[in-house]
């Protein structure tokens, strides 16, 4: 799938969508780490601004890994919610909502804008 819905596409369950997003964040983090190594090489050769770019790239990688972990935990929480009865179980919903709030607090706060 190209990321754009096509006629006949079957929507993935929510938790599976979250798992895909988590995996994508991890892949992007790997690419950022590759970029970090390239920028470090440039910095060793004296290319201006490369050390700063290496630092930013590494920050981005850490951000993406943290985001991937939170998204993966949200997928597990959703699985547990459904296993406990989903919308039919009000207690399960309250626990899912509380987990979502805790996970939201764990989201990265680095804006990566400086």
PDB file of N, CA and C in Angstrom:
ATOM      1  N   UNK A   1       0.849  -1.173   0.000  1.00  0.00           N
ATOM      2  CA  UNK A   1       0.000   0.000   0.000  1.00  0.00           C
ATOM      3  C   UNK A   1       0.894   1.235   0.000  1.00  0.00           C
ATOM      4  N   UNK A   2       0.522   2.227  -0.746  1.00  0.00           N
ATOM      5  CA  UNK A   2       1.347   3.415  -0.947  1.00  0.00           C
ATOM      6  C   UNK A   2       1.126   4.494   0.099  1.00  0.00           C
ATOM      7  N   UNK A   3       0.272   4.249   1.082  1.00  0.00           N
ATOM      8  CA  UNK A   3      -0.046   5.279   2.051  1.00  0.00           C
ATOM      9  C   UNK A   3      -1.291   6.043   1.671  1.00  0.00           C
ATOM     10  N   UNK A   4      -1.785   5.805   0.462  1.00  0.00           N
ATOM     11  CA  UNK A   4      -3.013   6.426  -0.006  1.00  0.00           C
ATOM     12  C   UNK A   4      -4.038   5.312  -0.182  1.00  0.00           C
ATOM     13  N   UNK A   5      -5.211   5.502   0.382  1.00  0.00           N
ATOM     14  CA  UNK A   5      -6.242   4.472   0.281  1.00  0.00           C
ATOM     15  C   UNK A   5      -6.643   4.250  -1.171  1.00  0.00           C
ATOM     16  N   UNK A   6      -6.804   3.008  -1.505  1.00  0.00           N
ATOM     17  CA  UNK A   6      -7.227   2.612  -2.835  1.00  0.00           C
ATOM     18  C   UNK A   6      -8.554   1.876  -2.715  1.00  0.00           C
ATOM     19  N   UNK A   7      -9.366   1.893  -3.762  1.00  0.00           N
ATOM     20  CA  UNK A   7     -10.611   1.120  -3.722  1.00  0.00           C
ATOM     21  C   UNK A   7     -10.296  -0.342  -3.405  1.00  0.00           C
ATOM     22  N   UNK A   8     -11.042  -0.887  -2.494  1.00  0.00           N
ATOM     23  CA  UNK A   8     -10.843  -2.279  -2.111  1.00  0.00           C
ATOM     24  C   UNK A   8      -9.875  -2.479  -0.954  1.00  0.00           C
ATOM     25  N   UNK A   9      -9.191  -1.402  -0.527  1.00  0.00           N
ATOM     26  CA  UNK A   9      -8.298  -1.522   0.623  1.00  0.00           C
ATOM     27  C   UNK A   9      -9.115  -1.853   1.867  1.00  0.00           C
ATOM     28  N   UNK A  10      -8.563  -2.698   2.695  1.00  0.00           N
ATOM     29  CA  UNK A  10      -9.202  -3.041   3.960  1.00  0.00           C
ATOM     30  C   UNK A  10      -8.472  -2.275   5.053  1.00  0.00           C
ATOM     31  N   UNK A  11      -9.226  -1.545   5.848  1.00  0.00           N
ATOM     32  CA  UNK A  11      -8.623  -0.766   6.930  1.00  0.00           C
ATOM     33  C   UNK A  11      -8.071  -1.714   7.995  1.00  0.00           C
ATOM     34  N   UNK A  12      -6.885  -1.419   8.457  1.00  0.00           N
ATOM     35  CA  UNK A  12      -6.288  -2.203   9.526  1.00  0.00           C
ATOM     36  C   UNK A  12      -6.938  -1.849  10.849  1.00  0.00           C
ATOM     37  N   UNK A  13      -7.000  -2.816  11.762  1.00  0.00           N
ATOM     38  CA  UNK A  13      -7.467  -2.474  13.117  1.00  0.00           C
ATOM     39  C   UNK A  13      -6.560  -1.389  13.716  1.00  0.00           C
ATOM     40  N   UNK A  14      -7.140  -0.610  14.610  1.00  0.00           N
ATOM     41  CA  UNK A  14      -6.443   0.537  15.194  1.00  0.00           C
ATOM     42  C   UNK A  14      -5.092   0.148  15.787  1.00  0.00           C
ATOM     43  N   UNK A  15      -5.042  -0.917  16.565  1.00  0.00           N
ATOM     44  CA  UNK A  15      -3.776  -1.306  17.193  1.00  0.00           C
ATOM     45  C   UNK A  15      -2.731  -1.671  16.144  1.00  0.00           C
ATOM     46  N   UNK A  16      -3.157  -2.283  15.045  1.00  0.00           N
ATOM     47  CA  UNK A  16      -2.214  -2.613  13.972  1.00  0.00           C
ATOM     48  C   UNK A  16      -1.706  -1.340  13.288  1.00  0.00           C
ATOM     49  N   UNK A  17      -2.573  -0.354  13.142  1.00  0.00           N
ATOM     50  CA  UNK A  17      -2.132   0.927  12.595  1.00  0.00           C
ATOM     51  C   UNK A  17      -1.064   1.547  13.499  1.00  0.00           C
ATOM     52  N   UNK A  18      -1.301   1.468  14.811  1.00  0.00           N
ATOM     53  CA  UNK A  18      -0.322   1.995  15.760  1.00  0.00           C
ATOM     54  C   UNK A  18       1.003   1.253  15.649  1.00  0.00           C
ATOM     55  N   UNK A  19       0.949  -0.066  15.510  1.00  0.00           N
ATOM     56  CA  UNK A  19       2.178  -0.843  15.370  1.00  0.00           C
ATOM     57  C   UNK A  19       2.939  -0.445  14.099  1.00  0.00           C
ATOM     58  N   UNK A  20       2.210  -0.212  13.016  1.00  0.00           N
ATOM     59  CA  UNK A  20       2.856   0.249  11.780  1.00  0.00           C
ATOM     60  C   UNK A  20       3.522   1.611  11.989  1.00  0.00           C
ATOM     61  N   UNK A  21       2.826   2.504  12.666  1.00  0.00           N
ATOM     62  CA  UNK A  21       3.395   3.828  12.925  1.00  0.00           C
ATOM     63  C   UNK A  21       4.646   3.726  13.792  1.00  0.00           C
ATOM     64  N   UNK A  22       4.603   2.848  14.784  1.00  0.00           N
ATOM     65  CA  UNK A  22       5.763   2.651  15.644  1.00  0.00           C
ATOM     66  C   UNK A  22       6.952   2.124  14.844  1.00  0.00           C
ATOM     67  N   UNK A  23       6.692   1.148  13.987  1.00  0.00           N
ATOM     68  CA  UNK A  23       7.761   0.586  13.161  1.00  0.00           C
ATOM     69  C   UNK A  23       8.336   1.645  12.220  1.00  0.00           C
ATOM     70  N   UNK A  24       7.476   2.485  11.675  1.00  0.00           N
ATOM     71  CA  UNK A  24       7.937   3.560  10.793  1.00  0.00           C
ATOM     72  C   UNK A  24       8.830   4.535  11.550  1.00  0.00           C
ATOM     73  N   UNK A  25       8.440   4.871  12.767  1.00  0.00           N
ATOM     74  CA  UNK A  25       9.268   5.776  13.583  1.00  0.00           C
ATOM     75  C   UNK A  25      10.639   5.156  13.840  1.00  0.00           C
ATOM     76  N   UNK A  26      10.682   3.870  14.091  1.00  0.00           N
ATOM     77  CA  UNK A  26      11.971   3.200  14.334  1.00  0.00           C
ATOM     78  C   UNK A  26      12.845   3.206  13.074  1.00  0.00           C
ATOM     79  N   UNK A  27      12.220   2.979  11.919  1.00  0.00           N
ATOM     80  CA  UNK A  27      12.983   3.037  10.666  1.00  0.00           C
ATOM     81  C   UNK A  27      13.532   4.439  10.421  1.00  0.00           C
ATOM     82  N   UNK A  28      12.705   5.434  10.675  1.00  0.00           N
ATOM     83  CA  UNK A  28      13.161   6.814  10.518  1.00  0.00           C
ATOM     84  C   UNK A  28      14.298   7.134  11.483  1.00  0.00           C
ATOM     85  N   UNK A  29      14.222   6.602  12.703  1.00  0.00           N
ATOM     86  CA  UNK A  29      15.291   6.817  13.680  1.00  0.00           C
ATOM     87  C   UNK A  29      16.601   6.208  13.176  1.00  0.00           C
ATOM     88  N   UNK A  30      16.518   5.017  12.570  1.00  0.00           N
ATOM     89  CA  UNK A  30      17.726   4.395  12.004  1.00  0.00           C
ATOM     90  C   UNK A  30      18.333   5.293  10.927  1.00  0.00           C
ATOM     91  N   UNK A  31      17.481   5.850  10.072  1.00  0.00           N
ATOM     92  CA  UNK A  31      17.973   6.751   9.019  1.00  0.00           C
ATOM     93  C   UNK A  31      18.621   7.991   9.630  1.00  0.00           C
ATOM     94  N   UNK A  32      18.019   8.510  10.694  1.00  0.00           N
ATOM     95  CA  UNK A  32      18.593   9.687  11.348  1.00  0.00           C
ATOM     96  C   UNK A  32      19.961   9.352  11.933  1.00  0.00           C
ATOM     97  N   UNK A  33      20.114   8.159  12.470  1.00  0.00           N
ATOM     98  CA  UNK A  33      21.409   7.754  13.021  1.00  0.00           C
ATOM     99  C   UNK A  33      22.440   7.625  11.901  1.00  0.00           C
ATOM    100  N   UNK A  34      22.004   7.155  10.736  1.00  0.00           N
ATOM    101  CA  UNK A  34      22.906   7.106   9.578  1.00  0.00           C
ATOM    102  C   UNK A  34      23.317   8.531   9.198  1.00  0.00           C
ATOM    103  N   UNK A  35      22.354   9.444   9.214  1.00  0.00           N
ATOM    104  CA  UNK A  35      22.656  10.847   8.913  1.00  0.00           C
ATOM    105  C   UNK A  35      23.643  11.418   9.922  1.00  0.00           C
ATOM    106  N   UNK A  36      23.462  11.048  11.190  1.00  0.00           N
ATOM    107  CA  UNK A  36      24.364  11.527  12.237  1.00  0.00           C
ATOM    108  C   UNK A  36      25.797  11.140  11.898  1.00  0.00           C
ATOM    109  N   UNK A  37      25.989   9.897  11.509  1.00  0.00           N
ATOM    110  CA  UNK A  37      27.336   9.423  11.178  1.00  0.00           C
ATOM    111  C   UNK A  37      27.915  10.199   9.991  1.00  0.00           C
ATOM    112  N   UNK A  38      27.087  10.472   9.001  1.00  0.00           N
ATOM    113  CA  UNK A  38      27.551  11.236   7.835  1.00  0.00           C
ATOM    114  C   UNK A  38      27.961  12.642   8.259  1.00  0.00           C
ATOM    115  N   UNK A  39      27.116  13.297   9.049  1.00  0.00           N
ATOM    116  CA  UNK A  39      27.437  14.654   9.486  1.00  0.00           C
ATOM    117  C   UNK A  39      28.684  14.677  10.369  1.00  0.00           C
ATOM    118  N   UNK A  40      28.866  13.641  11.190  1.00  0.00           N
ATOM    119  CA  UNK A  40      30.081  13.575  12.007  1.00  0.00           C
ATOM    120  C   UNK A  40      31.311  13.465  11.121  1.00  0.00           C
ATOM    121  N   UNK A  41      31.186  12.689  10.047  1.00  0.00           N
ATOM    122  CA  UNK A  41      32.300  12.587   9.094  1.00  0.00           C
ATOM    123  C   UNK A  41      32.607  13.930   8.450  1.00  0.00           C
ATOM    124  N   UNK A  42      31.554  14.647   8.077  1.00  0.00           N
ATOM    125  CA  UNK A  42      31.757  15.984   7.509  1.00  0.00           C
ATOM    126  C   UNK A  42      32.427  16.911   8.523  1.00  0.00           C
ATOM    127  N   UNK A  43      31.981  16.811   9.783  1.00  0.00           N
ATOM    128  CA  UNK A  43      32.545  17.669  10.836  1.00  0.00           C
ATOM    129  C   UNK A  43      34.032  17.372  11.019  1.00  0.00           C
ATOM    130  N   UNK A  44      34.411  16.089  10.946  1.00  0.00           N
ATOM    131  CA  UNK A  44      35.827  15.724  11.074  1.00  0.00           C
ATOM    132  C   UNK A  44      36.658  16.336   9.948  1.00  0.00           C
ATOM    133  N   UNK A  45      36.042  16.547   8.813  1.00  0.00           N
ATOM    134  CA  UNK A  45      36.740  17.140   7.669  1.00  0.00           C
ATOM    135  C   UNK A  45      36.653  18.669   7.679  1.00  0.00           C
ATOM    136  N   UNK A  46      35.991  19.203   8.711  1.00  0.00           N
ATOM    137  CA  UNK A  46      35.951  20.646   8.878  1.00  0.00           C
ATOM    138  C   UNK A  46      34.833  21.366   8.150  1.00  0.00           C
ATOM    139  N   UNK A  47      33.830  20.648   7.681  1.00  0.00           N
ATOM    140  CA  UNK A  47      32.725  21.304   6.987  1.00  0.00           C
ATOM    141  C   UNK A  47      31.888  22.094   7.999  1.00  0.00           C
ATOM    142  N   UNK A  48      31.774  23.401   7.816  1.00  0.00           N
ATOM    143  CA  UNK A  48      31.045  24.239   8.774  1.00  0.00           C
ATOM    144  C   UNK A  48      29.589  23.792   8.957  1.00  0.00           C
ATOM    145  N   UNK A  49      29.138  23.808  10.208  1.00  0.00           N
ATOM    146  CA  UNK A  49      27.751  23.475  10.533  1.00  0.00           C
ATOM    147  C   UNK A  49      27.478  21.996  10.671  1.00  0.00           C
ATOM    148  N   UNK A  50      28.433  21.160  10.319  1.00  0.00           N
ATOM    149  CA  UNK A  50      28.201  19.712  10.335  1.00  0.00           C
ATOM    150  C   UNK A  50      28.063  19.148  11.747  1.00  0.00           C
ATOM    151  N   UNK A  51      28.838  19.652  12.675  1.00  0.00           N
ATOM    152  CA  UNK A  51      28.735  19.159  14.050  1.00  0.00           C
ATOM    153  C   UNK A  51      27.351  19.461  14.617  1.00  0.00           C
ATOM    154  N   UNK A  52      26.866  20.661  14.318  1.00  0.00           N
ATOM    155  CA  UNK A  52      25.516  21.031  14.774  1.00  0.00           C
ATOM    156  C   UNK A  52      24.463  20.131  14.123  1.00  0.00           C
ATOM    157  N   UNK A  53      24.631  19.857  12.843  1.00  0.00           N
ATOM    158  CA  UNK A  53      23.674  18.985  12.151  1.00  0.00           C
ATOM    159  C   UNK A  53      23.731  17.565  12.703  1.00  0.00           C
ATOM    160  N   UNK A  54      24.910  17.097  13.064  1.00  0.00           N
ATOM    161  CA  UNK A  54      25.038  15.767  13.660  1.00  0.00           C
ATOM    162  C   UNK A  54      24.277  15.713  14.982  1.00  0.00           C
ATOM    163  N   UNK A  55      24.410  16.767  15.775  1.00  0.00           N
ATOM    164  CA  UNK A  55      23.703  16.824  17.060  1.00  0.00           C
ATOM    165  C   UNK A  55      22.186  16.841  16.838  1.00  0.00           C
ATOM    166  N   UNK A  56      21.736  17.632  15.891  1.00  0.00           N
ATOM    167  CA  UNK A  56      20.297  17.705  15.603  1.00  0.00           C
ATOM    168  C   UNK A  56      19.767  16.366  15.088  1.00  0.00           C
ATOM    169  N   UNK A  57      20.552  15.721  14.267  1.00  0.00           N
ATOM    170  CA  UNK A  57      20.140  14.439  13.723  1.00  0.00           C
ATOM    171  C   UNK A  57      20.035  13.395  14.834  1.00  0.00           C
ATOM    172  N   UNK A  58      20.984  13.411  15.752  1.00  0.00           N
ATOM    173  CA  UNK A  58      20.933  12.473  16.877  1.00  0.00           C
ATOM    174  C   UNK A  58      19.739  12.771  17.780  1.00  0.00           C
ATOM    175  N   UNK A  59      19.469  14.048  18.009  1.00  0.00           N
ATOM    176  CA  UNK A  59      18.270  14.417  18.796  1.00  0.00           C
ATOM    177  C   UNK A  59      17.010  13.902  18.117  1.00  0.00           C
ATOM    178  N   UNK A  60      16.953  14.051  16.817  1.00  0.00           N
ATOM    179  CA  UNK A  60      15.794  13.573  16.060  1.00  0.00           C
ATOM    180  C   UNK A  60      15.645  12.062  16.200  1.00  0.00           C
ATOM    181  N   UNK A  61      16.757  11.354  16.153  1.00  0.00           N
ATOM    182  CA  UNK A  61      16.717   9.901  16.307  1.00  0.00           C
ATOM    183  C   UNK A  61      16.180   9.519  17.691  1.00  0.00           C
ATOM    184  N   UNK A  62      16.659  10.199  18.722  1.00  0.00           N
ATOM    185  CA  UNK A  62      16.167   9.915  20.087  1.00  0.00           C
ATOM    186  C   UNK A  62      14.677  10.213  20.196  1.00  0.00           C
ATOM    187  N   UNK A  63      14.261  11.323  19.610  1.00  0.00           N
ATOM    188  CA  UNK A  63      12.845  11.710  19.596  1.00  0.00           C
ATOM    189  C   UNK A  63      12.011  10.595  18.957  1.00  0.00           C
ATOM    190  N   UNK A  64      12.450  10.124  17.810  1.00  0.00           N
ATOM    191  CA  UNK A  64      11.688   9.102  17.076  1.00  0.00           C
ATOM    192  C   UNK A  64      11.643   7.772  17.825  1.00  0.00           C
ATOM    193  N   UNK A  65      12.727   7.393  18.479  1.00  0.00           N
ATOM    194  CA  UNK A  65      12.732   6.149  19.257  1.00  0.00           C
ATOM    195  C   UNK A  65      11.762   6.261  20.429  1.00  0.00           C
ATOM    196  N   UNK A  66      11.781   7.403  21.098  1.00  0.00           N
ATOM    197  CA  UNK A  66      10.859   7.609  22.215  1.00  0.00           C
ATOM    198  C   UNK A  66       9.415   7.588  21.721  1.00  0.00           C
ATOM    199  N   UNK A  67       9.153   8.253  20.618  1.00  0.00           N
ATOM    200  CA  UNK A  67       7.815   8.274  20.046  1.00  0.00           C
ATOM    201  C   UNK A  67       7.374   6.863  19.660  1.00  0.00           C
ATOM    202  N   UNK A  68       8.264   6.099  19.047  1.00  0.00           N
ATOM    203  CA  UNK A  68       7.951   4.717  18.660  1.00  0.00           C
ATOM    204  C   UNK A  68       7.569   3.885  19.875  1.00  0.00           C
ATOM    205  N   UNK A  69       8.286   4.063  20.964  1.00  0.00           N
ATOM    206  CA  UNK A  69       7.991   3.290  22.185  1.00  0.00           C
ATOM    207  C   UNK A  69       6.619   3.633  22.745  1.00  0.00           C
ATOM    208  N   UNK A  70       6.294   4.914  22.767  1.00  0.00           N
ATOM    209  CA  UNK A  70       4.993   5.341  23.288  1.00  0.00           C
ATOM    210  C   UNK A  70       3.868   4.814  22.394  1.00  0.00           C
ATOM    211  N   UNK A  71       4.042   4.897  21.096  1.00  0.00           N
ATOM    212  CA  UNK A  71       3.010   4.412  20.172  1.00  0.00           C
ATOM    213  C   UNK A  71       2.836   2.903  20.327  1.00  0.00           C
ATOM    214  N   UNK A  72       3.936   2.167  20.470  1.00  0.00           N
ATOM    215  CA  UNK A  72       3.846   0.712  20.656  1.00  0.00           C
ATOM    216  C   UNK A  72       3.103   0.375  21.952  1.00  0.00           C
ATOM    217  N   UNK A  73       3.368   1.128  22.992  1.00  0.00           N
ATOM    218  CA  UNK A  73       2.663   0.902  24.266  1.00  0.00           C
ATOM    219  C   UNK A  73       1.176   1.203  24.119  1.00  0.00           C
ATOM    220  N   UNK A  74       0.843   2.209  23.337  1.00  0.00           N
ATOM    221  CA  UNK A  74      -0.573   2.534  23.103  1.00  0.00           C
ATOM    222  C   UNK A  74      -1.255   1.382  22.379  1.00  0.00           C
ATOM    223  N   UNK A  75      -0.559   0.755  21.435  1.00  0.00           N
ATOM    224  CA  UNK A  75      -1.120  -0.400  20.730  1.00  0.00           C
ATOM    225  C   UNK A  75      -1.405  -1.543  21.708  1.00  0.00           C
ATOM    226  N   UNK A  76      -0.474  -1.793  22.607  1.00  0.00           N
ATOM    227  CA  UNK A  76      -0.684  -2.845  23.611  1.00  0.00           C
ATOM    228  C   UNK A  76      -1.856  -2.505  24.524  1.00  0.00           C
ATOM    229  N   UNK A  77      -1.936  -1.242  24.916  1.00  0.00           N
ATOM    230  CA  UNK A  77      -3.042  -0.815  25.781  1.00  0.00           C
ATOM    231  C   UNK A  77      -4.379  -1.014  25.068  1.00  0.00           C
ATOM    232  N   UNK A  78      -4.418  -0.728  23.781  1.00  0.00           N
ATOM    233  CA  UNK A  78      -5.654  -0.907  23.027  1.00  0.00           C
ATOM    234  C   UNK A  78      -6.012  -2.385  22.923  1.00  0.00           C
ATOM    235  N   UNK A  79      -5.015  -3.222  22.702  1.00  0.00           N
ATOM    236  CA  UNK A  79      -5.252  -4.676  22.679  1.00  0.00           C
ATOM    237  C   UNK A  79      -5.848  -5.152  24.005  1.00  0.00           C
ATOM    238  N   UNK A  80      -5.266  -4.682  25.106  1.00  0.00           N
ATOM    239  CA  UNK A  80      -5.753  -5.070  26.432  1.00  0.00           C
ATOM    240  C   UNK A  80      -7.181  -4.583  26.654  1.00  0.00           C
ATOM    241  N   UNK A  81      -7.461  -3.374  26.205  1.00  0.00           N
ATOM    242  CA  UNK A  81      -8.808  -2.806  26.316  1.00  0.00           C
ATOM    243  C   UNK A  81      -9.816  -3.685  25.589  1.00  0.00           C
ATOM    244  N   UNK A  82      -9.492  -4.076  24.374  1.00  0.00           N
ATOM    245  CA  UNK A  82     -10.409  -4.925  23.610  1.00  0.00           C
ATOM    246  C   UNK A  82     -10.536  -6.310  24.236  1.00  0.00           C
ATOM    247  N   UNK A  83      -9.431  -6.849  24.725  1.00  0.00           N
ATOM    248  CA  UNK A  83      -9.461  -8.176  25.360  1.00  0.00           C
ATOM    249  C   UNK A  83     -10.313  -8.171  26.625  1.00  0.00           C
ATOM    250  N   UNK A  84     -10.389  -7.014  27.283  1.00  0.00           N
ATOM    251  CA  UNK A  84     -11.182  -6.898  28.512  1.00  0.00           C
ATOM    252  C   UNK A  84     -12.646  -6.589  28.233  1.00  0.00           C
ATOM    253  N   UNK A  85     -13.033  -6.563  26.973  1.00  0.00           N
ATOM    254  CA  UNK A  85     -14.434  -6.329  26.647  1.00  0.00           C
ATOM    255  C   UNK A  85     -14.687  -5.070  25.861  1.00  0.00           C
ATOM    256  N   UNK A  86     -13.671  -4.248  25.683  1.00  0.00           N
ATOM    257  CA  UNK A  86     -13.815  -3.046  24.871  1.00  0.00           C
ATOM    258  C   UNK A  86     -14.917  -2.130  25.353  1.00  0.00           C
ATOM    259  N   UNK A  87     -15.682  -1.568  24.427  1.00  0.00           N
ATOM    260  CA  UNK A  87     -16.702  -0.583  24.781  1.00  0.00           C
ATOM    261  C   UNK A  87     -17.794  -1.132  25.706  1.00  0.00           C
ATOM    262  N   UNK A  88     -17.928  -2.434  25.734  1.00  0.00           N
ATOM    263  CA  UNK A  88     -18.952  -3.040  26.595  1.00  0.00           C
ATOM    264  C   UNK A  88     -18.538  -3.071  28.063  1.00  0.00           C
ATOM    265  N   UNK A  89     -17.261  -2.836  28.341  1.00  0.00           N
ATOM    266  CA  UNK A  89     -16.744  -2.899  29.707  1.00  0.00           C
ATOM    267  C   UNK A  89     -16.280  -1.500  30.112  1.00  0.00           C
ATOM    268  N   UNK A  90     -17.104  -0.833  30.905  1.00  0.00           N
ATOM    269  CA  UNK A  90     -16.788   0.555  31.270  1.00  0.00           C
ATOM    270  C   UNK A  90     -15.500   0.633  32.089  1.00  0.00           C
ATOM    271  N   UNK A  91     -15.239  -0.356  32.914  1.00  0.00           N
ATOM    272  CA  UNK A  91     -14.009  -0.352  33.713  1.00  0.00           C
ATOM    273  C   UNK A  91     -12.780  -0.449  32.789  1.00  0.00           C
ATOM    274  N   UNK A  92     -12.893  -1.274  31.760  1.00  0.00           N
ATOM    275  CA  UNK A  92     -11.789  -1.406  30.802  1.00  0.00           C
ATOM    276  C   UNK A  92     -11.539  -0.077  30.113  1.00  0.00           C
ATOM    277  N   UNK A  93     -12.608   0.642  29.807  1.00  0.00           N
ATOM    278  CA  UNK A  93     -12.438   1.944  29.149  1.00  0.00           C
ATOM    279  C   UNK A  93     -11.746   2.933  30.080  1.00  0.00           C
ATOM    280  N   UNK A  94     -12.149   2.946  31.342  1.00  0.00           N
ATOM    281  CA  UNK A  94     -11.536   3.862  32.307  1.00  0.00           C
ATOM    282  C   UNK A  94     -10.037   3.566  32.421  1.00  0.00           C
ATOM    283  N   UNK A  95      -9.675   2.285  32.471  1.00  0.00           N
ATOM    284  CA  UNK A  95      -8.262   1.912  32.558  1.00  0.00           C
ATOM    285  C   UNK A  95      -7.512   2.288  31.273  1.00  0.00           C
ATOM    286  N   UNK A  96      -8.150   2.083  30.132  1.00  0.00           N
ATOM    287  CA  UNK A  96      -7.533   2.443  28.852  1.00  0.00           C
ATOM    288  C   UNK A  96      -7.305   3.950  28.778  1.00  0.00           C
ATOM    289  N   UNK A  97      -8.288   4.697  29.193  1.00  0.00           N
ATOM    290  CA  UNK A  97      -8.174   6.152  29.192  1.00  0.00           C
ATOM    291  C   UNK A  97      -7.042   6.623  30.113  1.00  0.00           C
ATOM    292  N   UNK A  98      -6.928   6.000  31.284  1.00  0.00           N
ATOM    293  CA  UNK A  98      -5.858   6.364  32.221  1.00  0.00           C
ATOM    294  C   UNK A  98      -4.488   6.023  31.629  1.00  0.00           C
ATOM    295  N   UNK A  99      -4.390   4.884  30.978  1.00  0.00           N
ATOM    296  CA  UNK A  99      -3.134   4.506  30.330  1.00  0.00           C
ATOM    297  C   UNK A  99      -2.789   5.489  29.228  1.00  0.00           C
ATOM    298  N   UNK A 100      -3.787   5.892  28.464  1.00  0.00           N
ATOM    299  CA  UNK A 100      -3.562   6.859  27.393  1.00  0.00           C
ATOM    300  C   UNK A 100      -3.027   8.177  27.954  1.00  0.00           C
ATOM    301  N   UNK A 101      -3.577   8.626  29.069  1.00  0.00           N
ATOM    302  CA  UNK A 101      -3.092   9.862  29.701  1.00  0.00           C
ATOM    303  C   UNK A 101      -1.638   9.705  30.159  1.00  0.00           C
ATOM    304  N   UNK A 102      -1.321   8.541  30.763  1.00  0.00           N
ATOM    305  CA  UNK A 102       0.060   8.322  31.213  1.00  0.00           C
ATOM    306  C   UNK A 102       1.017   8.295  30.026  1.00  0.00           C
ATOM    307  N   UNK A 103       0.601   7.650  28.962  1.00  0.00           N
ATOM    308  CA  UNK A 103       1.459   7.585  27.778  1.00  0.00           C
ATOM    309  C   UNK A 103       1.623   8.958  27.132  1.00  0.00           C
ATOM    310  N   UNK A 104       0.569   9.730  27.117  1.00  0.00           N
ATOM    311  CA  UNK A 104       0.654  11.082  26.551  1.00  0.00           C
ATOM    312  C   UNK A 104       1.706  11.906  27.297  1.00  0.00           C
ATOM    313  N   UNK A 105       1.803  11.686  28.606  1.00  0.00           N
ATOM    314  CA  UNK A 105       2.789  12.417  29.398  1.00  0.00           C
ATOM    315  C   UNK A 105       4.213  11.983  29.048  1.00  0.00           C
ATOM    316  N   UNK A 106       4.368  10.822  28.439  1.00  0.00           N
ATOM    317  CA  UNK A 106       5.686  10.315  28.073  1.00  0.00           C
ATOM    318  C   UNK A 106       6.130  10.729  26.669  1.00  0.00           C
ATOM    319  N   UNK A 107       5.241  11.381  25.952  1.00  0.00           N
ATOM    320  CA  UNK A 107       5.596  11.811  24.599  1.00  0.00           C
ATOM    321  C   UNK A 107       6.784  12.755  24.649  1.00  0.00           C
ATOM    322  N   UNK A 108       7.648  12.709  23.639  1.00  0.00           N
ATOM    323  CA  UNK A 108       8.803  13.596  23.627  1.00  0.00           C
ATOM    324  C   UNK A 108       8.388  15.057  23.675  1.00  0.00           C
ATOM    325  N   UNK A 109       9.178  15.843  24.385  1.00  0.00           N
ATOM    326  CA  UNK A 109       8.858  17.270  24.489  1.00  0.00           C
ATOM    327  C   UNK A 109       9.862  18.140  23.734  1.00  0.00           C
ATOM    328  N   UNK A 110      10.922  17.524  23.225  1.00  0.00           N
ATOM    329  CA  UNK A 110      11.916  18.272  22.447  1.00  0.00           C
ATOM    330  C   UNK A 110      11.259  18.705  21.149  1.00  0.00           C
ATOM    331  N   UNK A 111      11.159  20.001  20.931  1.00  0.00           N
ATOM    332  CA  UNK A 111      10.491  20.497  19.717  1.00  0.00           C
ATOM    333  C   UNK A 111      11.383  20.427  18.484  1.00  0.00           C
ATOM    334  N   UNK A 112      12.670  20.179  18.682  1.00  0.00           N
ATOM    335  CA  UNK A 112      13.636  20.066  17.593  1.00  0.00           C
ATOM    336  C   UNK A 112      13.673  21.320  16.713  1.00  0.00           C
ATOM    337  N   UNK A 113      13.321  22.441  17.292  1.00  0.00           N
ATOM    338  CA  UNK A 113      13.266  23.671  16.492  1.00  0.00           C
ATOM    339  C   UNK A 113      14.424  24.613  16.764  1.00  0.00           C
ATOM    340  N   UNK A 114      15.275  24.302  17.701  1.00  0.00           N
ATOM    341  CA  UNK A 114      16.390  25.232  17.967  1.00  0.00           C
ATOM    342  C   UNK A 114      17.631  24.838  17.208  1.00  0.00           C
TER     343      UNK A 114
END
